[in-house]
C-alpha atoms as a PDB file:
ATOM      1  CA  MET A   1       7.356  35.178 -19.926  1.00  0.00           C
ATOM      2  CA  LYS A   2       4.086  33.776 -18.691  1.00  0.00           C
ATOM      3  CA  ALA A   3       4.023  31.298 -15.909  1.00  0.00           C
ATOM      4  CA  GLN A   4       3.117  27.616 -17.105  1.00  0.00           C
ATOM      5  CA  PHE A   5       3.041  26.212 -13.310  1.00  0.00           C
ATOM      6  CA  PRO A   6       0.328  23.588 -12.533  1.00  0.00           C
ATOM      7  CA  ILE A   7      -2.681  25.129 -10.300  1.00  0.00           C
ATOM      8  CA  LEU A   8      -3.058  23.251  -7.004  1.00  0.00           C
ATOM      9  CA  TYR A   9      -5.178  25.197  -5.599  1.00  0.00           C
ATOM     10  CA  LEU A  10      -7.088  29.375  -5.846  1.00  0.00           C
ATOM     11  CA  ASP A  11      -8.871  31.630  -4.638  1.00  0.00           C
ATOM     12  CA  ASP A  12      -9.102  35.096  -3.181  1.00  0.00           C
ATOM     13  CA  SER A  13      -6.858  34.257  -0.585  1.00  0.00           C
ATOM     14  CA  ILE A  14      -4.215  31.647  -1.822  1.00  0.00           C
ATOM     15  CA  ILE A  15      -2.958  30.384  -4.731  1.00  0.00           C
ATOM     16  CA  ALA A  16      -0.589  27.104  -5.047  1.00  0.00           C
ATOM     17  CA  ILE A  17       1.161  25.928  -7.857  1.00  0.00           C
ATOM     18  CA  ASP A  18       2.945  22.212  -8.183  1.00  0.00           C
ATOM     19  CA  LYS A  19       6.757  23.329  -8.406  1.00  0.00           C
ATOM     20  CA  PRO A  20       9.196  22.141 -11.450  1.00  0.00           C
ATOM     21  CA  ALA A  21      12.306  21.991 -10.551  1.00  0.00           C
ATOM     22  CA  GLY A  22      15.698  24.682 -11.430  1.00  0.00           C
ATOM     23  CA  VAL A  23      12.833  27.581 -10.490  1.00  0.00           C
ATOM     24  CA  LEU A  24      13.260  29.433  -6.933  1.00  0.00           C
ATOM     25  CA  ALA A  25      10.534  30.131  -4.454  1.00  0.00           C
ATOM     26  CA  ILE A  26      11.566  33.297  -4.198  1.00  0.00           C
ATOM     27  CA  PRO A  27      14.541  36.346  -5.312  1.00  0.00           C
ATOM     28  CA  ASP A  28      17.750  34.735  -4.411  1.00  0.00           C
ATOM     29  CA  HIS A  29      21.133  36.657  -4.494  1.00  0.00           C
ATOM     30  CA  TRP A  30      23.359  33.409  -5.070  1.00  0.00           C
ATOM     31  CA  ASP A  31      21.122  33.070  -7.979  1.00  0.00           C
ATOM     32  CA  PRO A  32      19.655  35.715  -9.737  1.00  0.00           C
ATOM     33  CA  GLU A  33      19.641  34.223 -12.744  1.00  0.00           C
ATOM     34  CA  VAL A  34      17.405  31.643 -11.980  1.00  0.00           C
ATOM     35  CA  PRO A  35      13.167  31.653 -12.311  1.00  0.00           C
ATOM     36  CA  VAL A  36      11.326  32.747  -9.527  1.00  0.00           C
ATOM     37  CA  ALA A  37       7.773  31.941  -9.236  1.00  0.00           C
ATOM     38  CA  GLN A  38       6.750  34.552  -7.239  1.00  0.00           C
ATOM     39  CA  GLN A  39       8.002  37.052 -10.207  1.00  0.00           C
ATOM     40  CA  MET A  40       6.268  35.104 -12.741  1.00  0.00           C
ATOM     41  CA  LEU A  41       2.906  34.119 -11.232  1.00  0.00           C
ATOM     42  CA  ALA A  42       2.436  38.162 -10.400  1.00  0.00           C
ATOM     43  CA  LYS A  43       2.237  38.809 -13.999  1.00  0.00           C
ATOM     44  CA  GLU A  44      -1.699  36.914 -13.649  1.00  0.00           C
ATOM     45  CA  TYR A  45      -2.186  36.785 -10.148  1.00  0.00           C
ATOM     46  CA  GLY A  46      -1.202  39.750  -8.376  1.00  0.00           C
ATOM     47  CA  THR A  47       1.324  40.981  -5.470  1.00  0.00           C
ATOM     48  CA  LEU A  48       1.959  36.911  -4.150  1.00  0.00           C
ATOM     49  CA  LEU A  49       3.477  36.789  -0.178  1.00  0.00           C
ATOM     50  CA  PRO A  50       5.324  33.723   0.718  1.00  0.00           C
ATOM     51  CA  VAL A  51       4.562  32.063   3.900  1.00  0.00           C
ATOM     52  CA  HIS A  52       6.956  29.119   3.177  1.00  0.00           C
ATOM     53  CA  ARG A  53       9.328  28.289   0.504  1.00  0.00           C
ATOM     54  CA  ILE A  54      11.255  24.785  -0.910  1.00  0.00           C
ATOM     55  CA  ASP A  55      14.442  24.320  -2.413  1.00  0.00           C
ATOM     56  CA  LYS A  56      14.899  25.472  -6.740  1.00  0.00           C
ATOM     57  CA  ASP A  57      15.636  21.762  -7.088  1.00  0.00           C
ATOM     58  CA  THR A  58      12.535  20.725  -5.103  1.00  0.00           C
ATOM     59  CA  THR A  59       9.439  19.749  -6.688  1.00  0.00           C
ATOM     60  CA  GLY A  60       5.859  20.010  -5.378  1.00  0.00           C
ATOM     61  CA  VAL A  61       3.426  22.252  -3.947  1.00  0.00           C
ATOM     62  CA  LEU A  62       4.065  25.480  -3.327  1.00  0.00           C
ATOM     63  CA  LEU A  63       1.662  28.328  -1.436  1.00  0.00           C
ATOM     64  CA  TYR A  64       1.915  31.712  -1.381  1.00  0.00           C
ATOM     65  CA  ALA A  65      -0.674  34.358   0.439  1.00  0.00           C
ATOM     66  CA  ARG A  66      -2.634  36.931  -2.147  1.00  0.00           C
ATOM     67  CA  THR A  67      -4.006  39.721   0.736  1.00  0.00           C
ATOM     68  CA  GLN A  68      -2.237  41.395   3.775  1.00  0.00           C
ATOM     69  CA  ASP A  69      -4.320  39.177   6.092  1.00  0.00           C
ATOM     70  CA  ALA A  70      -4.534  35.680   4.480  1.00  0.00           C
ATOM     71  CA  HIS A  71      -0.413  36.005   5.003  1.00  0.00           C
ATOM     72  CA  ARG A  72      -0.273  36.712   8.240  1.00  0.00           C
ATOM     73  CA  ALA A  73      -2.802  34.439   9.281  1.00  0.00           C
ATOM     74  CA  LEU A  74      -0.807  31.486   7.492  1.00  0.00           C
ATOM     75  CA  ASN A  75       2.398  33.159   9.011  1.00  0.00           C
ATOM     76  CA  GLU A  76       0.913  32.059  12.076  1.00  0.00           C
ATOM     77  CA  ARG A  77      -0.071  28.418  11.258  1.00  0.00           C
ATOM     78  CA  PHE A  78       3.371  27.743   9.856  1.00  0.00           C
ATOM     79  CA  SER A  79       5.291  29.135  12.356  1.00  0.00           C
ATOM     80  CA  THR A  80       3.198  27.661  15.920  1.00  0.00           C
ATOM     81  CA  ARG A  81       3.068  24.514  13.883  1.00  0.00           C
ATOM     82  CA  GLN A  82      -0.128  24.250  12.876  1.00  0.00           C
ATOM     83  CA  VAL A  83       0.968  23.190   8.743  1.00  0.00           C
ATOM     84  CA  GLU A  84       1.223  19.446   8.171  1.00  0.00           C
ATOM     85  CA  LYS A  85       3.798  18.753   5.231  1.00  0.00           C
ATOM     86  CA  VAL A  86       4.966  15.951   3.816  1.00  0.00           C
ATOM     87  CA  TYR A  87       8.355  14.986   1.861  1.00  0.00           C
ATOM     88  CA  LEU A  88       9.096  12.449  -0.635  1.00  0.00           C
ATOM     89  CA  ALA A  89      12.724  11.591  -0.784  1.00  0.00           C
ATOM     90  CA  ILE A  90      14.579   9.172  -2.627  1.00  0.00           C
ATOM     91  CA  VAL A  91      17.712   8.148  -0.840  1.00  0.00           C
ATOM     92  CA  SER A  92      21.338   6.531  -1.298  1.00  0.00           C
ATOM     93  CA  GLY A  93      21.300   3.768   1.034  1.00  0.00           C
ATOM     94  CA  GLU A  94      19.247   1.365   2.868  1.00  0.00           C
ATOM     95  CA  PRO A  95      17.808   2.045   6.473  1.00  0.00           C
ATOM     96  CA  GLU A  96      17.997   1.012   9.517  1.00  0.00           C
ATOM     97  CA  HIS A  97      15.022   1.346  10.786  1.00  0.00           C
ATOM     98  CA  ASP A  98      11.363   1.659   9.115  1.00  0.00           C
ATOM     99  CA  GLU A  99      11.064   4.986  11.322  1.00  0.00           C
ATOM    100  CA  TRP A 100      12.777   7.037  12.890  1.00  0.00           C
ATOM    101  CA  GLU A 101      13.780  11.086  13.700  1.00  0.00           C
ATOM    102  CA  ILE A 102      16.148  13.321  13.652  1.00  0.00           C
ATOM    103  CA  ASP A 103      15.938  16.302  16.578  1.00  0.00           C
ATOM    104  CA  ALA A 104      19.097  18.464  15.918  1.00  0.00           C
ATOM    105  CA  PRO A 105      19.349  21.696  16.094  1.00  0.00           C
ATOM    106  CA  LEU A 106      20.342  23.498  12.717  1.00  0.00           C
ATOM    107  CA  ARG A 107      22.474  26.693  11.438  1.00  0.00           C
ATOM    108  CA  ALA A 108      22.388  27.976   8.016  1.00  0.00           C
ATOM    109  CA  ASP A 109      24.990  29.555   6.098  1.00  0.00           C
ATOM    110  CA  GLY A 110      26.742  27.686   9.142  1.00  0.00           C
ATOM    111  CA  ASP A 111      30.449  26.767   7.229  1.00  0.00           C
ATOM    112  CA  ARG A 112      32.208  28.023   3.618  1.00  0.00           C
ATOM    113  CA  MET A 113      29.915  26.285   1.408  1.00  0.00           C
ATOM    114  CA  HIS A 114      26.833  28.512   2.808  1.00  0.00           C
ATOM    115  CA  ARG A 115      25.123  25.102   4.026  1.00  0.00           C
ATOM    116  CA  THR A 116      23.051  24.552   7.145  1.00  0.00           C
ATOM    117  CA  ILE A 117      24.635  22.571   9.571  1.00  0.00           C
ATOM    118  CA  ILE A 118      24.004  20.946  12.786  1.00  0.00           C
ATOM    119  CA  ASP A 119      24.942  22.930  16.061  1.00  0.00           C
ATOM    120  CA  MET A 120      24.144  22.213  18.902  1.00  0.00           C
ATOM    121  CA  SER A 121      25.288  25.488  21.019  1.00  0.00           C
ATOM    122  CA  LYS A 122      23.829  27.971  17.955  1.00  0.00           C
ATOM    123  CA  GLY A 123      21.259  26.511  15.722  1.00  0.00           C
ATOM    124  CA  LYS A 124      17.598  26.546  16.375  1.00  0.00           C
ATOM    125  CA  PRO A 125      15.375  23.648  17.312  1.00  0.00           C
ATOM    126  CA  ALA A 126      14.900  21.560  14.265  1.00  0.00           C
ATOM    127  CA  LEU A 127      12.663  17.878  14.184  1.00  0.00           C
ATOM    128  CA  THR A 128      11.847  15.804  11.247  1.00  0.00           C
ATOM    129  CA  ARG A 129      10.231  12.477  11.516  1.00  0.00           C
ATOM    130  CA  PHE A 130      10.506   9.789   8.604  1.00  0.00           C
ATOM    131  CA  GLU A 131       9.321   6.513   7.134  1.00  0.00           C
ATOM    132  CA  VAL A 132      10.690   4.249   5.061  1.00  0.00           C
ATOM    133  CA  VAL A 133       7.679   3.743   1.897  1.00  0.00           C
ATOM    134  CA  GLU A 134       9.594   1.648  -0.387  1.00  0.00           C
ATOM    135  CA  ARG A 135      13.338  -0.324  -0.110  1.00  0.00           C
ATOM    136  CA  PHE A 136      15.245  -0.812  -3.167  1.00  0.00           C
ATOM    137  CA  ARG A 137      19.351  -2.368  -3.563  1.00  0.00           C
ATOM    138  CA  GLY A 138      21.283   0.349  -2.300  1.00  0.00           C
ATOM    139  CA  PHE A 139      18.551   2.883  -1.887  1.00  0.00           C
ATOM    140  CA  ALA A 140      14.997   3.526  -0.391  1.00  0.00           C
ATOM    141  CA  LEU A 141      11.967   5.868  -1.038  1.00  0.00           C
ATOM    142  CA  VAL A 142      11.505   7.906   2.351  1.00  0.00           C
ATOM    143  CA  ARG A 143       8.788   9.958   3.318  1.00  0.00           C
ATOM    144  CA  ALA A 144      10.104  13.424   5.245  1.00  0.00           C
ATOM    145  CA  LEU A 145       7.501  14.710   8.092  1.00  0.00           C
ATOM    146  CA  PRO A 146       9.020  18.104   9.566  1.00  0.00           C
ATOM    147  CA  GLU A 147       7.780  19.617  12.701  1.00  0.00           C
ATOM    148  CA  THR A 148      10.004  22.669  11.763  1.00  0.00           C
ATOM    149  CA  GLY A 149      10.217  25.110   9.198  1.00  0.00           C
ATOM    150  CA  ARG A 150      14.489  25.445   8.722  1.00  0.00           C
ATOM    151  CA  THR A 151      16.592  25.914   5.647  1.00  0.00           C
ATOM    152  CA  HIS A 152      17.514  22.307   3.862  1.00  0.00           C
ATOM    153  CA  GLN A 153      16.405  20.889   6.915  1.00  0.00           C
ATOM    154  CA  ILE A 154      15.176  17.154   5.354  1.00  0.00           C
ATOM    155  CA  ARG A 155      18.828  17.093   3.004  1.00  0.00           C
ATOM    156  CA  VAL A 156      20.593  17.776   6.639  1.00  0.00           C
ATOM    157  CA  HIS A 157      18.647  15.337   8.853  1.00  0.00           C
ATOM    158  CA  LEU A 158      18.744  12.576   6.011  1.00  0.00           C
ATOM    159  CA  ALA A 159      22.689  13.476   5.415  1.00  0.00           C
ATOM    160  CA  ALA A 160      22.989  13.021   9.370  1.00  0.00           C
ATOM    161  CA  SER A 161      21.112   9.537   9.294  1.00  0.00           C
ATOM    162  CA  ARG A 162      23.705   8.451   6.413  1.00  0.00           C
ATOM    163  CA  LEU A 163      21.356   9.059   3.926  1.00  0.00           C
ATOM    164  CA  PRO A 164      21.484  11.377   1.544  1.00  0.00           C
ATOM    165  CA  ILE A 165      18.942  12.412  -1.033  1.00  0.00           C
ATOM    166  CA  LEU A 166      20.094  11.194  -4.144  1.00  0.00           C
ATOM    167  CA  ALA A 167      21.934  13.695  -6.336  1.00  0.00           C
ATOM    168  CA  ASP A 168      21.897  15.939  -3.720  1.00  0.00           C
ATOM    169  CA  ALA A 169      24.884  18.366  -4.730  1.00  0.00           C
ATOM    170  CA  LEU A 170      25.026  20.250  -1.571  1.00  0.00           C
ATOM    171  CA  TYR A 171      24.572  17.675   0.929  1.00  0.00           C
ATOM    172  CA  GLY A 172      25.402  14.132  -0.736  1.00  0.00           C
ATOM    173  CA  ASP A 173      26.628  12.517  -3.984  1.00  0.00           C
ATOM    174  CA  THR A 174      26.138  14.901  -6.414  1.00  0.00           C
ATOM    175  CA  LYS A 175      26.014  11.709  -9.019  1.00  0.00           C
ATOM    176  CA  PRO A 176      22.748  11.753 -10.883  1.00  0.00           C
ATOM    177  CA  LEU A 177      20.838   8.270 -11.236  1.00  0.00           C
ATOM    178  CA  MET A 178      22.436   6.457 -14.400  1.00  0.00           C
ATOM    179  CA  LEU A 179      20.970   3.115 -16.026  1.00  0.00           C
ATOM    180  CA  SER A 180      24.748   2.172 -16.353  1.00  0.00           C
ATOM    181  CA  LYS A 181      25.132   2.044 -12.666  1.00  0.00           C
ATOM    182  CA  LEU A 182      22.239   0.657 -12.095  1.00  0.00           C
ATOM    183  CA  LYS A 183      21.916  -2.337 -14.707  1.00  0.00           C
ATOM    184  CA  ARG A 184      25.402  -4.727 -14.571  1.00  0.00           C
ATOM    185  CA  ARG A 185      24.773  -5.827 -18.359  1.00  0.00           C
ATOM    186  CA  TRP A 186      24.203  -2.565 -19.898  1.00  0.00           C
ATOM    187  CA  LYS A 187      25.216  -1.815 -23.465  1.00  0.00           C
ATOM    188  CA  GLY A 188      24.007   2.144 -24.434  1.00  0.00           C
ATOM    189  CA  ASP A 189      26.559   4.592 -25.567  1.00  0.00           C
ATOM    190  CA  ALA A 190      28.566   6.205 -22.368  1.00  0.00           C
ATOM    191  CA  PHE A 191      29.223   9.507 -24.403  1.00  0.00           C
ATOM    192  CA  GLU A 192      25.388   9.960 -25.141  1.00  0.00           C
ATOM    193  CA  GLU A 193      23.336   8.495 -22.362  1.00  0.00           C
ATOM    194  CA  LYS A 194      21.088  11.051 -20.187  1.00  0.00           C
ATOM    195  CA  PRO A 195      20.811  10.680 -15.836  1.00  0.00           C
ATOM    196  CA  VAL A 196      17.482   8.695 -15.098  1.00  0.00           C
ATOM    197  CA  ILE A 197      17.049  11.837 -12.800  1.00  0.00           C
ATOM    198  CA  ALA A 198      19.801  14.261 -11.965  1.00  0.00           C
ATOM    199  CA  ARG A 199      18.792  16.962  -9.866  1.00  0.00           C
ATOM    200  CA  SER A 200      17.768  16.658  -5.656  1.00  0.00           C
ATOM    201  CA  ALA A 201      15.324  13.337  -5.381  1.00  0.00           C
ATOM    202  CA  LEU A 202      13.200  15.738  -3.251  1.00  0.00           C
ATOM    203  CA  HIS A 203       9.401  16.634  -3.746  1.00  0.00           C
ATOM    204  CA  ALA A 204       7.100  18.687  -1.561  1.00  0.00           C
ATOM    205  CA  SER A 205       3.509  16.501  -1.555  1.00  0.00           C
ATOM    206  CA  LYS A 206       1.113  17.412   0.758  1.00  0.00           C
ATOM    207  CA  VAL A 207       0.830  20.754   2.895  1.00  0.00           C
ATOM    208  CA  THR A 208      -2.591  20.419   4.906  1.00  0.00           C
ATOM    209  CA  PHE A 209      -3.855  23.307   6.712  1.00  0.00           C
ATOM    210  CA  LEU A 210      -6.918  25.490   7.547  1.00  0.00           C
ATOM    211  CA  HIS A 211      -7.530  28.056   4.926  1.00  0.00           C
ATOM    212  CA  PRO A 212      -6.207  31.621   6.365  1.00  0.00           C
ATOM    213  CA  THR A 213     -10.428  32.745   5.953  1.00  0.00           C
ATOM    214  CA  SER A 214     -12.775  30.544   6.273  1.00  0.00           C
ATOM    215  CA  GLY A 215     -10.777  28.113   8.740  1.00  0.00           C
ATOM    216  CA  MET A 216     -11.798  25.020   6.221  1.00  0.00           C
ATOM    217  CA  ARG A 217      -9.375  22.344   6.322  1.00  0.00           C
ATOM    218  CA  LEU A 218      -7.306  22.248   3.092  1.00  0.00           C
ATOM    219  CA  GLU A 219      -5.535  19.428   1.943  1.00  0.00           C
ATOM    220  CA  ILE A 220      -3.355  20.004  -1.388  1.00  0.00           C
ATOM    221  CA  GLU A 221      -1.229  17.388  -3.533  1.00  0.00           C
ATOM    222  CA  ALA A 222       1.080  17.399  -5.823  1.00  0.00           C
ATOM    223  CA  PRO A 223       1.706  14.019  -7.772  1.00  0.00           C
ATOM    224  CA  LEU A 224       5.278  13.139  -8.478  1.00  0.00           C
ATOM    225  CA  PRO A 225       6.720  14.849 -11.692  1.00  0.00           C
ATOM    226  CA  ARG A 226       8.468  12.855 -14.072  1.00  0.00           C
ATOM    227  CA  ASP A 227      11.777  12.208 -13.369  1.00  0.00           C
ATOM    228  CA  PHE A 228      10.999  11.020  -9.587  1.00  0.00           C
ATOM    229  CA  ARG A 229       8.871   8.823 -11.588  1.00  0.00           C
ATOM    230  CA  ALA A 230      11.168   7.029 -13.940  1.00  0.00           C
ATOM    231  CA  ALA A 231      14.095   6.915 -11.185  1.00  0.00           C
ATOM    232  CA  LEU A 232      11.350   4.804  -9.028  1.00  0.00           C
ATOM    233  CA  ASN A 233      10.514   2.708 -12.194  1.00  0.00           C
ATOM    234  CA  GLN A 234      13.882   1.908 -12.586  1.00  0.00           C
ATOM    235  CA  LEU A 235      14.956   1.376  -8.719  1.00  0.00           C
ATOM    236  CA  ARG A 236      12.038  -1.214  -8.831  1.00  0.00           C
ATOM    237  CA  LYS A 237      12.754  -3.115 -11.448  1.00  0.00           C
ATOM    238  CA  LEU A 238      15.995  -4.290  -9.300  1.00  0.00           C
ATOM    239  CA  ARG A 239      14.202  -4.099  -5.709  1.00  0.00           C
ATOM    240  CA  ALA A 240      16.418  -6.119  -3.974  1.00  0.00           C
ATOM    241  CA  ILE A 241      13.583  -7.155  -1.740  1.00  0.00           C
END
């Protein structure tokens, strides 16, 4: 099967795609049947080396190296915090502040549900800054700026802020966003109603870094996917402030 991912950037050293929901960045033994972007792209673009990853249900910018030299250079940039990452998330709840940060160490696979947990003694350092972009009744659009790249970092730090990501089945409310729950006088058929967004509402919006070969500053952005836009449109109609 040929990969049908939008290509955001491509040259001899790197490739960046706009990853859809429901696709893994690299193979995962927990989900062996789920499509893997790395494998699907390799059929057309050759061997691709991961330098970061985004979760299966997270959409947006996903970057791979196409050479060993580019892989080493990008790994160095990511590990030394020379890469700026911007995510957008729709959260359940209303933030108390317009800006805040969570500095809480994380340990992957830390409980029986194989979740990442905050562990002050054994966790690895993790820092995320947050900014409110828009406020709605009972929800908010938040910009997340992770300084580190721990597994599920943004999801865990937002849950710790009592602002779980909308429809996050692992760290928050598993319920998708339904019009029947938003509109008091909704008159649709409850048995045929489809969710506005049914997966974790997290989007990797932008990645900024120095090109591993040329040193040129690259800023790669991915547009919001359809379900994310639809959710925002519905929430804007019910804006409280």
